[in-house]
Structures are given as C-alpha cells and as structure tokens.
Amino acid sequence: MRALLAALSLLLVASGCGLLGGDSGSGAADGGGAEGAGLEKARIKIGAMPIIDFAPLHMAIQKGYFREAGLEIETVGIPGGATSVTGLLGASFDISVGNWMSFFEAQSKGVADLKLIADGYQTRPNNFVIAVPQGSSITTPQDLAGKRIAVTVRGAIAELLAKASMDAHSVNHGGVSWVEIPFPSMPAALKAKQVDAAVMVEPFITQAERNFGAIPVLDVAQGATGDFPISGYATTAAFAKDNPKTVRAFRRALMRAQKEAGDRGKVEQVLPSYAKGIDQVTASLVHLGAFPTRLDVVRIQRVADLMAVHDLLPKPLKVDTMVMENLPDAD
C-alpha cells in the first residue's frame, strides 16, 4: 500500500509540474521565450529612421518587448525610403522601416521581392499640410496653382498627397514648380521665401508655426487622402521564408508597442529620445498620426492605386501578394 501511494504521489507531482510550468516547447515554437528558443535568428538588424512614424519601434526596444520575445535588436540608421530597399537587398539589415511607395515601386519594377510584415503609420488631420509663410498672398488651395512648392523628393509621398488633394479641390497643379528640399530644411526655406509653399510633416509644421508663424493652407491628409497609409516594415521574401518564427516574434513585440502608442502620453515620452528636432515641448504640441495594429491590405492598396493613377508604377500592383502569411495582430 505504501509503495502504491508513493507511486501515485510521484505521478501527481510529475503531472503537476507539467501543468504549472507549461509546455516549454510551445514558447519555442511561436518565437517566445526570453532566450529566443526556437527562433531561427535571435540577433537581427533593423533599418530605422529617426522620425515620428516609428516611435513604437523605439518604445518596444526601450521597454524590452523584443528581449522578452527572444530577440536582440540592432538599429541601423537610414536616411530615407530608397535606402530601405537597397539595405535589405544588400543584407545591411534584416528588416527595415520605410515608406510604402518605395517598397511598392521596387516590387513593381522587379528590383526586389519584398514581404510586408507590419503597418507603421497613417495620416491624421493636420500632420501633413501645405504651409505658407505669414503674410503670404496664398490664402486658399486655389492660390497654389502655378506656385513654387517644396517637396522632399520628386515623385515621393509628399508630392503624391499634394497632387491628390489639389485634384480634390479642383486646383490645376500642372504649372506648379516642385522644388526638392529636405523636410528639416523646409522651415528655413519657407521663412526665407525660397519657395512659395511647402508640403510639410511634423515636427517641422509645429516648428515653423512656433518660430515664424507659418500657416497651413491645405491639409493634404483629409477627404480622399484621409487616414492615408504612410509607412511600414518589410523584409525580403528570402528572409521571411528562412526566418518565419523570427519575423513573427518581431511583429508580435512591435504590435505590443503599436497598441500602446494609442496613448499619446507614451509617444510623447519616447520621441525626444531618438527623433531629430523634437524636444519635450515640441513632442507635446505635434499633431500625431495613427499607429495601426493590423496590416489592412485594403487600406494599404490605396497607396499602390494612387501611385498607378499618377504614373508612378510601371504596372498595377496587388499588395496582398506581398503580405507575409500568418502574421499576429496586437493582443
């Protein structure tokens, strides 16, 4: 009898350990675990830009969400969207932030085979505008016809949204002189009247308003271009194929931060730590966009469709063919 009781006790203890501790294999299978058990690659490089769009990436790093998912993250600074693609192709990093237009152009031209893994940022009112200096004769959208308007790069998102919004207001943009000026230099160029107007984003809108009274005359992120997808995260199809658990673990940790970014206060806290030109005061004043927690193919398709309308793609592009399968959303 004593032997039987002892055997039963051992069986219960063994069963109890399994129930209380959980299946150690399950964490490895989905990329979880503090030590990255089950991940194909636990140390990855991320191409990153120091702009508002990617506040959740830095939140996830600073709060240890990637570490909890078993990932060690190294960020590699990049200047813009084109570098996102070239860096991925050259294996300078494994995953990159970037604007949707650069990703779609590369895919449509056959320059790269990319997989989209997360939506990063979309517009909200007043965070993508055409602004003019104080005292300008331009007071309505119609006054923009034939003027010199600054954009970061010809054929990029600023010009695309500006043209679409001007079309919506029946403004002929055929005679507009588009002048390439980097976003950080736009306030000074506007103040010096090197251009008549500028397509600006935050924090430069707030800086120009505070420093010399710049005035928005057209919000290019309303109406047909409202809630417009701006940027996201992508990798190569080869990396996604070889490292599916790693990519999903990255997305899962990022989505935790994307969800938290719905709290403006948390975004304000992280911005000064990495974003150029944003101090705590500016962080409290900027108009923020939205940080999606789903990769909505229908919404992102709008970008490719608008690019096609303005002849910025060599052929139509179906975005759903670029999305990596079985991606987890925010909990």
Protein backbone atom coordinates (compact mmCIF):
# COMPACT_ATOMS: atom_id res chain seq x y z
CA MET A 1 0.00 0.00 0.00
CA ARG A 2 2.79 2.42 0.93
CA ALA A 3 4.54 1.62 -2.36
CA LEU A 4 1.33 2.27 -4.30
CA LEU A 5 0.75 5.60 -2.55
CA ALA A 6 4.33 6.64 -3.25
CA ALA A 7 3.94 5.80 -6.91
CA LEU A 8 0.69 7.79 -7.12
CA SER A 9 2.37 10.76 -5.40
CA LEU A 10 5.20 10.73 -7.92
CA LEU A 11 2.70 10.62 -10.78
CA LEU A 12 0.75 13.59 -9.40
CA VAL A 13 3.92 15.62 -8.85
CA ALA A 14 5.07 14.92 -12.39
CA SER A 15 1.64 15.88 -13.80
CA GLY A 16 1.50 18.99 -11.65
CA CYS A 17 4.88 20.17 -12.88
CA GLY A 18 3.71 19.93 -16.48
CA LEU A 19 0.54 21.89 -15.76
CA LEU A 20 2.17 24.61 -13.69
CA GLY A 21 5.26 25.12 -15.79
CA GLY A 22 3.57 24.88 -19.16
CA ASP A 23 4.91 23.18 -22.26
CA SER A 24 8.40 24.57 -22.78
CA GLY A 25 8.16 23.61 -26.43
CA SER A 26 5.19 25.91 -27.08
CA GLY A 27 7.15 29.06 -26.34
CA ALA A 28 9.93 27.98 -28.67
CA ALA A 29 7.52 27.13 -31.45
CA ASP A 30 5.95 30.58 -31.61
CA GLY A 31 9.15 32.52 -31.07
CA GLY A 32 8.56 33.28 -27.41
CA GLY A 33 10.92 32.89 -24.51
CA ALA A 34 13.47 35.27 -23.06
CA GLU A 35 16.36 33.40 -24.64
CA GLY A 36 14.86 33.13 -28.13
CA ALA A 37 14.31 29.37 -28.05
CA GLY A 38 13.02 28.19 -31.40
CA LEU A 39 13.88 31.34 -33.34
CA GLU A 40 15.90 30.90 -36.50
CA LYS A 41 17.84 34.09 -35.83
CA ALA A 42 17.75 35.77 -32.42
CA ARG A 43 20.01 38.72 -33.28
CA ILE A 44 18.64 40.89 -36.08
CA LYS A 45 19.40 44.29 -37.58
CA ILE A 46 16.64 46.80 -38.27
CA GLY A 47 16.92 49.70 -40.70
CA ALA A 48 15.48 52.68 -38.80
CA MET A 49 14.76 56.37 -39.36
CA PRO A 50 14.64 58.99 -36.57
CA ILE A 51 11.11 60.20 -37.35
CA ILE A 52 7.73 60.12 -35.59
CA ASP A 53 6.40 57.25 -37.72
CA PHE A 54 8.49 54.69 -35.90
CA ALA A 55 8.01 55.68 -32.26
CA PRO A 56 6.62 52.20 -31.42
CA LEU A 57 9.85 50.56 -32.62
CA HIS A 58 11.83 52.56 -30.09
CA MET A 59 9.19 52.01 -27.41
CA ALA A 60 9.48 48.25 -27.91
CA ILE A 61 13.28 48.44 -27.67
CA GLN A 62 13.31 50.62 -24.57
CA LYS A 63 10.62 48.63 -22.78
CA GLY A 64 12.28 45.31 -23.51
CA TYR A 65 9.47 43.83 -25.60
CA PHE A 66 11.86 42.44 -28.19
CA ARG A 67 14.07 40.98 -25.48
CA GLU A 68 11.05 39.26 -23.94
CA ALA A 69 10.30 37.80 -27.38
CA GLY A 70 13.81 36.37 -27.50
CA LEU A 71 15.22 38.96 -29.88
CA GLU A 72 18.29 41.14 -29.69
CA ILE A 73 17.78 44.23 -31.86
CA GLU A 74 20.43 46.38 -33.50
CA THR A 75 19.18 49.50 -35.29
CA VAL A 76 20.98 50.79 -38.37
CA GLY A 77 20.28 54.43 -39.21
CA ILE A 78 18.99 55.12 -42.73
CA PRO A 79 18.16 58.46 -44.38
CA GLY A 80 15.08 57.54 -46.39
CA GLY A 81 12.84 55.09 -48.19
CA ALA A 82 15.17 54.23 -51.07
CA THR A 83 17.82 53.14 -48.59
CA SER A 84 15.30 50.78 -47.03
CA VAL A 85 15.20 48.72 -50.21
CA THR A 86 18.91 48.85 -51.05
CA GLY A 87 19.81 47.97 -47.46
CA LEU A 88 17.53 44.95 -47.48
CA LEU A 89 18.88 43.75 -50.82
CA GLY A 90 22.47 44.22 -49.63
CA ALA A 91 21.76 42.47 -46.31
CA SER A 92 22.81 45.57 -44.37
CA PHE A 93 19.81 44.75 -42.18
CA ASP A 94 17.19 42.02 -41.93
CA ILE A 95 14.04 44.11 -41.55
CA SER A 96 13.55 47.76 -42.42
CA VAL A 97 11.18 50.62 -41.85
CA GLY A 98 10.27 52.54 -44.97
CA ASN A 99 7.55 54.39 -46.83
CA TRP A 100 5.09 52.23 -48.73
CA MET A 101 5.84 53.97 -52.00
CA SER A 102 9.49 52.88 -52.03
CA PHE A 103 8.54 49.29 -51.25
CA PHE A 104 5.83 49.22 -53.94
CA GLU A 105 7.97 50.86 -56.61
CA ALA A 106 10.79 48.34 -56.05
CA GLN A 107 8.35 45.42 -56.18
CA SER A 108 6.56 46.67 -59.29
CA LYS A 109 9.82 47.22 -61.14
CA GLY A 110 11.11 43.80 -60.18
CA VAL A 111 14.04 45.36 -58.34
CA ALA A 112 13.20 43.43 -55.17
CA ASP A 113 10.95 40.68 -53.88
CA LEU A 114 9.65 42.01 -50.59
CA LYS A 115 7.30 40.84 -47.87
CA LEU A 116 5.31 43.32 -45.78
CA ILE A 117 5.23 42.48 -42.09
CA ALA A 118 3.69 45.48 -40.28
CA ASP A 119 1.80 48.70 -40.93
CA GLY A 120 3.62 51.54 -39.21
CA TYR A 121 1.94 54.92 -39.56
CA GLN A 122 -1.01 56.61 -41.23
CA THR A 123 -2.12 60.19 -41.52
CA ARG A 124 -4.44 62.11 -39.26
CA PRO A 125 -5.70 65.70 -39.72
CA ASN A 126 -3.05 68.45 -39.60
CA ASN A 127 0.04 66.24 -39.66
CA PHE A 128 0.66 66.50 -43.44
CA VAL A 129 -0.03 70.00 -44.82
CA ILE A 130 0.94 72.57 -47.40
CA ALA A 131 2.10 75.61 -45.43
CA VAL A 132 3.00 79.18 -46.39
CA PRO A 133 4.88 81.95 -44.55
CA GLN A 134 2.99 84.54 -42.57
CA GLY A 135 1.74 87.37 -44.80
CA SER A 136 1.70 85.22 -47.94
CA SER A 137 -0.73 86.07 -50.73
CA ILE A 138 -1.65 82.39 -50.79
CA THR A 139 -4.69 82.03 -48.57
CA THR A 140 -6.72 79.27 -50.27
CA PRO A 141 -5.85 76.00 -52.02
CA GLN A 142 -6.74 77.60 -55.37
CA ASP A 143 -3.93 80.12 -54.88
CA LEU A 144 -1.36 77.30 -55.06
CA ALA A 145 -1.72 76.95 -58.84
CA GLY A 146 1.49 77.88 -60.64
CA LYS A 147 3.50 78.42 -57.45
CA ARG A 148 6.88 77.08 -56.28
CA ILE A 149 6.15 74.33 -53.77
CA ALA A 150 8.76 72.41 -51.79
CA VAL A 151 8.68 68.61 -51.57
CA THR A 152 11.31 66.28 -50.17
CA VAL A 153 11.83 64.24 -53.33
CA ARG A 154 10.03 64.39 -56.67
CA GLY A 155 7.56 61.55 -57.07
CA ALA A 156 7.50 60.71 -53.36
CA ILE A 157 4.66 60.70 -50.84
CA ALA A 158 4.63 64.48 -50.27
CA GLU A 159 4.08 65.27 -53.95
CA LEU A 160 1.61 62.40 -54.36
CA LEU A 161 -0.61 63.57 -51.50
CA ALA A 162 -0.31 67.20 -52.56
CA LYS A 163 -1.45 66.43 -56.12
CA ALA A 164 -4.30 64.19 -54.97
CA SER A 165 -5.52 66.83 -52.54
CA MET A 166 -5.21 69.60 -55.12
CA ASP A 167 -7.22 67.47 -57.55
CA ALA A 168 -9.92 67.15 -54.89
CA HIS A 169 -10.04 70.97 -54.63
CA SER A 170 -10.06 71.44 -58.43
CA VAL A 171 -6.62 73.06 -58.35
CA ASN A 172 -4.56 72.72 -61.54
CA HIS A 173 -1.13 71.51 -60.42
CA GLY A 174 0.21 71.20 -63.96
CA GLY A 175 2.01 74.54 -63.71
CA VAL A 176 3.41 74.02 -60.20
CA SER A 177 7.19 74.13 -59.85
CA TRP A 178 8.10 71.35 -57.42
CA VAL A 179 11.33 72.14 -55.59
CA GLU A 180 13.24 69.40 -53.76
CA ILE A 181 14.10 70.43 -50.19
CA PRO A 182 14.62 68.02 -47.25
CA PHE A 183 11.94 68.21 -44.56
CA PRO A 184 14.33 69.63 -41.90
CA SER A 185 15.31 72.49 -44.24
CA MET A 186 11.78 73.45 -45.24
CA PRO A 187 11.01 75.87 -42.37
CA ALA A 188 14.10 77.96 -43.15
CA ALA A 189 13.43 77.87 -46.91
CA LEU A 190 9.84 78.94 -46.31
CA LYS A 191 10.87 81.76 -43.97
CA ALA A 192 13.46 82.99 -46.49
CA LYS A 193 10.81 82.76 -49.25
CA GLN A 194 12.96 80.48 -51.38
CA VAL A 195 9.64 78.79 -52.17
CA ASP A 196 6.05 79.98 -52.02
CA ALA A 197 4.80 76.98 -50.07
CA ALA A 198 5.99 73.65 -48.71
CA VAL A 199 4.46 70.21 -48.22
CA MET A 200 5.41 69.64 -44.60
CA VAL A 201 5.13 66.95 -41.93
CA GLU A 202 5.55 67.01 -38.18
CA PRO A 203 7.56 68.08 -36.25
CA PHE A 204 8.51 70.67 -38.89
CA ILE A 205 4.96 72.03 -39.14
CA THR A 206 4.94 72.81 -35.43
CA GLN A 207 8.47 74.25 -35.58
CA ALA A 208 7.55 76.56 -38.47
CA GLU A 209 4.35 77.68 -36.72
CA ARG A 210 6.19 78.38 -33.46
CA ASN A 211 9.25 80.06 -34.95
CA PHE A 212 7.83 82.36 -37.61
CA GLY A 213 4.08 81.92 -37.80
CA ALA A 214 3.79 79.62 -40.82
CA ILE A 215 0.19 78.99 -41.85
CA PRO A 216 -1.29 75.76 -43.25
CA VAL A 217 -3.47 76.42 -46.31
CA LEU A 218 -4.24 72.85 -47.35
CA ASP A 219 -4.38 69.68 -45.27
CA VAL A 220 -3.34 67.00 -47.77
CA ALA A 221 -4.47 64.18 -45.46
CA GLN A 222 -8.21 64.74 -45.48
CA GLY A 223 -11.09 63.61 -47.66
CA ALA A 224 -9.92 61.14 -50.29
CA THR A 225 -6.48 61.00 -48.68
CA GLY A 226 -7.70 60.83 -45.08
CA ASP A 227 -6.18 58.09 -42.90
CA PHE A 228 -3.67 57.51 -45.67
CA PRO A 229 -1.02 54.81 -45.08
CA ILE A 230 2.45 56.32 -44.99
CA SER A 231 4.99 53.79 -43.84
CA GLY A 232 5.59 50.32 -42.51
CA TYR A 233 8.01 47.43 -42.07
CA ALA A 234 9.25 44.98 -44.69
CA THR A 235 11.83 42.30 -45.29
CA THR A 236 12.92 40.26 -48.29
CA ALA A 237 10.91 37.24 -49.33
CA ALA A 238 14.04 35.13 -48.80
CA PHE A 239 14.49 36.28 -45.20
CA ALA A 240 10.80 35.76 -44.45
CA LYS A 241 10.95 32.25 -45.88
CA ASP A 242 14.08 31.27 -43.94
CA ASN A 243 13.14 33.00 -40.67
CA PRO A 244 9.33 32.91 -40.23
CA LYS A 245 9.42 32.48 -36.43
CA THR A 246 11.88 35.34 -36.08
CA VAL A 247 9.75 37.69 -38.19
CA ARG A 248 6.57 36.80 -36.30
CA ALA A 249 8.31 37.27 -32.96
CA PHE A 250 9.47 40.70 -34.15
CA ARG A 251 5.97 41.65 -35.24
CA ARG A 252 4.39 40.38 -32.02
CA ALA A 253 6.69 42.55 -29.90
CA LEU A 254 6.23 45.54 -32.20
CA MET A 255 2.44 45.22 -32.06
CA ARG A 256 2.56 45.49 -28.27
CA ALA A 257 4.15 48.90 -28.70
CA GLN A 258 1.89 49.90 -31.62
CA LYS A 259 -1.09 49.26 -29.36
CA GLU A 260 0.43 51.30 -26.53
CA ALA A 261 1.11 54.14 -28.97
CA GLY A 262 -2.62 54.82 -28.90
CA ASP A 263 -1.79 56.58 -25.64
CA ARG A 264 -0.38 59.93 -26.76
CA GLY A 265 1.47 60.44 -23.50
CA LYS A 266 3.59 57.35 -24.10
CA VAL A 267 4.54 58.56 -27.57
CA GLU A 268 5.48 61.98 -26.21
CA GLN A 269 7.81 60.34 -23.69
CA VAL A 270 9.77 58.38 -26.26
CA LEU A 271 10.05 60.94 -29.10
CA PRO A 272 12.83 63.14 -27.64
CA SER A 273 14.99 60.05 -27.04
CA TYR A 274 15.50 59.28 -30.73
CA ALA A 275 13.67 61.70 -33.08
CA LYS A 276 15.66 64.55 -34.56
CA GLY A 277 14.45 68.05 -33.78
CA ILE A 278 11.91 67.03 -31.15
CA ASP A 279 12.30 68.24 -27.59
CA GLN A 280 9.75 67.62 -24.86
CA VAL A 281 7.81 70.82 -25.64
CA THR A 282 7.59 70.04 -29.36
CA ALA A 283 6.57 66.46 -28.56
CA SER A 284 3.60 67.79 -26.60
CA LEU A 285 2.49 70.03 -29.50
CA VAL A 286 2.91 67.97 -32.68
CA HIS A 287 -0.10 66.56 -34.48
CA LEU A 288 0.31 62.80 -34.39
CA GLY A 289 -0.85 60.29 -36.95
CA ALA A 290 -2.14 56.81 -36.12
CA PHE A 291 -0.16 53.66 -35.35
CA PRO A 292 -2.17 50.72 -36.78
CA THR A 293 -2.20 47.35 -35.05
CA ARG A 294 -3.37 45.44 -38.14
CA LEU A 295 -1.88 45.04 -41.59
CA ASP A 296 -5.01 46.03 -43.53
CA VAL A 297 -4.41 45.10 -47.16
CA VAL A 298 -7.42 47.06 -48.44
CA ARG A 299 -6.20 50.23 -46.78
CA ILE A 300 -2.61 49.84 -47.97
CA GLN A 301 -3.76 49.05 -51.51
CA ARG A 302 -4.86 52.70 -51.69
CA VAL A 303 -1.21 53.71 -51.91
CA ALA A 304 -0.45 51.47 -54.88
CA ASP A 305 -3.65 52.53 -56.63
CA LEU A 306 -2.90 56.24 -56.22
CA MET A 307 0.65 55.67 -57.45
CA ALA A 308 -0.75 53.99 -60.56
CA VAL A 309 -3.12 56.91 -61.20
CA HIS A 310 -0.16 59.31 -61.19
CA ASP A 311 2.04 57.02 -63.32
CA LEU A 312 4.45 56.24 -60.51
CA LEU A 313 4.30 52.47 -61.07
CA PRO A 314 5.32 50.71 -64.30
CA LYS A 315 2.38 48.33 -63.86
CA PRO A 316 -0.50 47.81 -61.39
CA LEU A 317 0.43 46.12 -58.14
CA LYS A 318 -1.61 43.78 -55.95
CA VAL A 319 -0.44 44.45 -52.41
CA ASP A 320 -1.94 41.25 -51.00
CA THR A 321 0.71 39.22 -52.85
CA MET A 322 3.40 40.99 -50.81
CA VAL A 323 1.99 40.34 -47.34
CA MET A 324 3.69 37.63 -45.27
CA GLU A 325 1.29 34.91 -44.17
CA ASN A 326 0.08 34.17 -40.64
CA LEU A 327 1.09 37.44 -39.04
CA PRO A 328 -0.11 38.01 -35.46
CA ASP A 329 -2.10 41.15 -34.64
CA ALA A 330 -1.93 43.06 -31.38
CA ASP A 331 -3.42 41.18 -28.42
